[in-house]
Amino acid sequence: MANREVVVFVAVLLLVIATLGAVFTYNISPLWIIVGVIVIAGASFVSPRLIEFKEFERGVLFQFGKFRKVVGPGWVLIWPAFQSHVLVDMRTQTVDLPKQPLITRDDVEIKIDSVIYQKIVDPRKAVIEIKDYKNAMRELLRSQIRNTIGKMELEEVLERTEEIGNDLKNTLKEIAQEWGISVIKVEVQQIDLPHTLVEALHKRREAGEYKVK
């Protein structure tokens, strides 16, 4: 966009210089200078832009503020005077949820680090139906994982991390479809236990090893 503005500015400047030269050389009326500048400025404003969309990109095209169509991949002609577009990346994306403090059913406070692997399958919905789909998915996961862990005891959480991820994926999948998003995977990456509990587990393990000896 910046390069286009520079080109237009240089073109208008050259036109003005050429017109001034013509005025002094051929004694042309200054009125024609104003007319010429207005015509060139108007032409540059309504002139189309040729935009390249890569294989993994799509553009949600709006005309006079209303949705027109989804464009790309390839070269697409867009008229900036009355059209605009939002670029959408169709590749698989990760949405990371920072460590979240949670309370299990047996009142143990833990922290869970999780991540969503997702992909936009409907660019129109991803742009129109939700303002910020990444943040929306992050908040949705935050809410669902709180509800899920709150119904489980600590031992169950530690033993069923993969199942928890699959359950969260199925839950998020239904809602995400309305936003044009496909949830590929939800992964529980890390579970942090309270320091006192970790020490107690170590002592229990050491005591067990000592009895065996």
Protein backbone atom coordinates (compact mmCIF):
# COMPACT_ATOMS: atom_id res chain seq x y z
CA MET A 1 0.00 0.00 0.00
CA ALA A 2 2.83 2.42 0.88
CA ASN A 3 4.62 1.68 -2.42
CA ARG A 4 1.41 2.38 -4.32
CA GLU A 5 0.99 5.75 -2.59
CA VAL A 6 4.57 6.71 -3.46
CA VAL A 7 4.01 5.84 -7.12
CA VAL A 8 0.79 7.85 -7.24
CA PHE A 9 2.48 10.83 -5.56
CA VAL A 10 5.38 10.78 -8.03
CA ALA A 11 2.97 10.44 -10.97
CA VAL A 12 0.91 13.43 -9.82
CA LEU A 13 4.07 15.47 -9.20
CA LEU A 14 5.39 14.72 -12.69
CA LEU A 15 2.01 15.61 -14.18
CA VAL A 16 2.00 18.98 -12.38
CA ILE A 17 5.53 19.73 -13.58
CA ALA A 18 4.66 18.72 -17.14
CA THR A 19 1.47 20.79 -17.04
CA LEU A 20 3.31 23.86 -15.74
CA GLY A 21 5.84 23.43 -18.51
CA ALA A 22 3.04 23.24 -21.05
CA VAL A 23 1.44 26.39 -19.63
CA PHE A 24 4.59 28.44 -20.02
CA THR A 25 5.42 26.90 -23.39
CA TYR A 26 2.01 26.86 -25.06
CA ASN A 27 0.25 29.51 -22.93
CA ILE A 28 -2.43 27.09 -21.66
CA SER A 29 -5.06 28.41 -19.21
CA PRO A 30 -4.32 27.63 -15.51
CA LEU A 31 -7.86 26.26 -15.27
CA TRP A 32 -6.76 23.23 -17.26
CA ILE A 33 -4.03 22.61 -14.69
CA ILE A 34 -6.60 22.33 -11.91
CA VAL A 35 -8.82 20.10 -14.05
CA GLY A 36 -5.90 17.85 -14.93
CA VAL A 37 -4.79 17.46 -11.30
CA ILE A 38 -8.36 16.66 -10.19
CA VAL A 39 -8.74 14.05 -12.94
CA ILE A 40 -5.44 12.34 -12.06
CA ALA A 41 -6.16 12.40 -8.31
CA GLY A 42 -9.62 10.94 -8.92
CA ALA A 43 -8.20 8.25 -11.18
CA SER A 44 -5.58 7.26 -8.61
CA PHE A 45 -8.27 7.04 -5.92
CA VAL A 46 -10.53 4.68 -7.84
CA SER A 47 -7.77 2.72 -9.58
CA PRO A 48 -7.77 -1.01 -8.73
CA ARG A 49 -5.09 -2.87 -6.75
CA LEU A 50 -3.78 -6.25 -7.80
CA ILE A 51 -3.25 -8.31 -4.63
CA GLU A 52 -1.57 -11.70 -4.41
CA PHE A 53 -3.04 -14.31 -2.08
CA LYS A 54 -0.73 -17.26 -1.42
CA GLU A 55 -1.94 -20.85 -1.51
CA PHE A 56 -2.62 -20.82 2.24
CA GLU A 57 -4.27 -17.38 2.26
CA ARG A 58 -7.80 -16.18 1.61
CA GLY A 59 -9.32 -12.72 1.57
CA VAL A 60 -12.76 -11.89 2.97
CA LEU A 61 -13.91 -9.18 0.58
CA PHE A 62 -16.27 -6.38 1.62
CA GLN A 63 -17.96 -3.97 -0.78
CA PHE A 64 -19.42 -0.76 0.64
CA GLY A 65 -19.00 -2.37 4.08
CA LYS A 66 -21.01 -5.49 3.22
CA PHE A 67 -19.66 -9.00 2.73
CA ARG A 68 -19.16 -9.76 -0.95
CA LYS A 69 -17.24 -13.03 -1.22
CA VAL A 70 -14.12 -14.98 -0.23
CA VAL A 71 -11.24 -14.53 -2.69
CA GLY A 72 -7.93 -16.30 -3.33
CA PRO A 73 -5.57 -17.97 -3.75
CA GLY A 74 -3.88 -16.22 -6.68
CA TRP A 75 -4.06 -12.65 -8.01
CA VAL A 76 -7.22 -10.70 -7.21
CA LEU A 77 -8.26 -7.23 -8.40
CA ILE A 78 -9.63 -5.05 -5.58
CA TRP A 79 -11.04 -1.52 -5.87
CA PRO A 80 -9.93 0.40 -2.74
CA ALA A 81 -12.47 3.19 -3.38
CA PHE A 82 -15.36 0.94 -2.37
CA GLN A 83 -13.85 -2.44 -1.45
CA SER A 84 -11.76 -3.71 1.46
CA HIS A 85 -10.54 -7.11 2.56
CA VAL A 86 -9.39 -9.05 5.63
CA LEU A 87 -6.51 -11.49 5.16
CA VAL A 88 -7.06 -14.99 6.62
CA ASP A 89 -4.36 -17.64 7.17
CA MET A 90 -5.74 -21.11 6.42
CA ARG A 91 -2.80 -23.04 7.93
CA THR A 92 -3.00 -24.97 11.20
CA GLN A 93 -2.43 -22.61 14.12
CA THR A 94 -1.67 -23.11 17.79
CA VAL A 95 -3.44 -21.20 20.54
CA ASP A 96 -1.55 -21.53 23.80
CA LEU A 97 -3.28 -21.14 27.15
CA PRO A 98 -0.79 -20.09 29.86
CA LYS A 99 -0.71 -22.06 33.10
CA GLN A 100 -4.12 -21.82 34.69
CA PRO A 101 -4.72 -22.42 38.42
CA LEU A 102 -7.52 -24.94 38.96
CA ILE A 103 -9.17 -26.73 41.89
CA THR A 104 -9.87 -30.47 41.64
CA ARG A 105 -12.88 -32.14 43.22
CA ASP A 106 -10.76 -33.20 46.21
CA ASP A 107 -9.69 -29.55 46.79
CA VAL A 108 -6.17 -29.74 45.41
CA GLU A 109 -4.93 -26.64 43.61
CA ILE A 110 -2.99 -27.42 40.46
CA LYS A 111 -1.81 -25.49 37.41
CA ILE A 112 -2.35 -26.77 33.88
CA ASP A 113 -0.66 -25.64 30.68
CA SER A 114 -2.69 -26.51 27.57
CA VAL A 115 -2.74 -25.73 23.85
CA ILE A 116 -5.26 -25.91 21.00
CA TYR A 117 -4.34 -26.93 17.45
CA GLN A 118 -6.91 -25.42 15.13
CA LYS A 119 -7.53 -24.49 11.51
CA ILE A 120 -9.89 -22.02 9.81
CA VAL A 121 -12.19 -23.82 7.38
CA ASP A 122 -14.69 -21.01 6.75
CA PRO A 123 -12.96 -17.59 6.40
CA ARG A 124 -16.26 -15.72 6.23
CA LYS A 125 -17.43 -17.00 9.61
CA ALA A 126 -13.99 -16.53 11.22
CA VAL A 127 -14.09 -12.83 10.29
CA ILE A 128 -17.78 -11.98 10.60
CA GLU A 129 -19.10 -14.23 13.39
CA ILE A 130 -16.36 -13.53 15.95
CA LYS A 131 -14.16 -10.47 16.56
CA ASP A 132 -10.97 -12.25 17.66
CA TYR A 133 -11.23 -16.00 17.10
CA LYS A 134 -7.89 -16.82 18.76
CA ASN A 135 -8.75 -15.02 21.97
CA ALA A 136 -12.27 -16.45 21.86
CA MET A 137 -10.91 -20.01 21.60
CA ARG A 138 -8.46 -19.30 24.43
CA GLU A 139 -11.24 -18.09 26.73
CA LEU A 140 -13.48 -20.98 25.72
CA LEU A 141 -10.76 -23.50 26.58
CA ARG A 142 -10.14 -21.72 29.88
CA SER A 143 -13.79 -22.09 30.83
CA GLN A 144 -14.17 -25.70 29.67
CA ILE A 145 -11.00 -26.96 31.34
CA ARG A 146 -12.06 -25.34 34.63
CA ASN A 147 -15.39 -27.17 34.49
CA THR A 148 -13.75 -30.47 33.54
CA ILE A 149 -11.03 -30.47 36.22
CA GLY A 150 -13.49 -29.32 38.88
CA LYS A 151 -15.39 -32.60 38.48
CA MET A 152 -12.31 -34.83 38.80
CA GLU A 153 -10.02 -35.84 41.63
CA LEU A 154 -6.27 -35.25 41.38
CA GLU A 155 -5.35 -38.88 40.80
CA GLU A 156 -7.89 -39.11 37.99
CA VAL A 157 -6.52 -35.94 36.37
CA LEU A 158 -2.97 -37.29 36.40
CA GLU A 159 -4.01 -40.64 34.94
CA ARG A 160 -6.35 -39.32 32.21
CA THR A 161 -4.54 -36.35 30.65
CA GLU A 162 -4.95 -37.70 27.11
CA GLU A 163 -8.65 -38.45 27.64
CA ILE A 164 -9.14 -34.96 29.09
CA GLY A 165 -7.62 -33.49 25.92
CA ASN A 166 -9.95 -35.53 23.72
CA ASP A 167 -13.01 -34.56 25.78
CA LEU A 168 -12.06 -30.88 25.57
CA LYS A 169 -11.54 -31.19 21.82
CA ASN A 170 -15.04 -32.66 21.31
CA THR A 171 -16.62 -29.94 23.45
CA LEU A 172 -14.79 -27.07 21.73
CA LYS A 173 -15.40 -28.57 18.30
CA GLU A 174 -19.16 -28.02 18.42
CA ILE A 175 -18.86 -24.34 19.36
CA ALA A 176 -15.90 -23.62 17.06
CA GLN A 177 -17.83 -24.81 14.01
CA GLU A 178 -20.09 -21.77 14.37
CA TRP A 179 -16.97 -19.59 14.00
CA GLY A 180 -15.66 -21.44 10.95
CA ILE A 181 -12.91 -23.16 12.91
CA SER A 182 -11.94 -26.83 13.00
CA VAL A 183 -10.38 -28.03 16.27
CA ILE A 184 -7.71 -30.58 15.40
CA LYS A 185 -6.36 -31.35 18.85
CA VAL A 186 -6.37 -30.13 22.46
CA GLU A 187 -3.28 -31.10 24.41
CA VAL A 188 -2.61 -30.90 28.16
CA GLN A 189 1.11 -30.16 28.08
CA GLN A 190 2.01 -29.83 31.74
CA ILE A 191 0.45 -30.21 35.19
CA ASP A 192 2.09 -28.46 38.14
CA LEU A 193 1.34 -29.82 41.62
CA PRO A 194 1.60 -27.87 44.90
CA HIS A 195 5.11 -27.89 46.32
CA THR A 196 3.99 -29.47 49.59
CA LEU A 197 2.26 -32.29 47.71
CA VAL A 198 5.35 -32.95 45.59
CA GLU A 199 7.47 -33.22 48.74
CA ALA A 200 4.94 -35.61 50.31
CA LEU A 201 5.00 -37.82 47.21
CA HIS A 202 8.80 -37.89 47.24
CA LYS A 203 8.86 -38.88 50.90
CA ARG A 204 6.27 -41.61 50.29
CA ARG A 205 8.33 -42.94 47.38
CA GLU A 206 11.53 -42.88 49.42
CA ALA A 207 9.78 -44.67 52.29
CA GLY A 208 8.54 -47.34 49.90
CA GLU A 209 12.02 -47.87 48.46
CA TYR A 210 13.48 -48.13 51.97
CA LYS A 211 10.98 -50.85 52.98
CA VAL A 212 11.83 -52.85 49.86
CA LYS A 213 15.51 -52.75 50.80
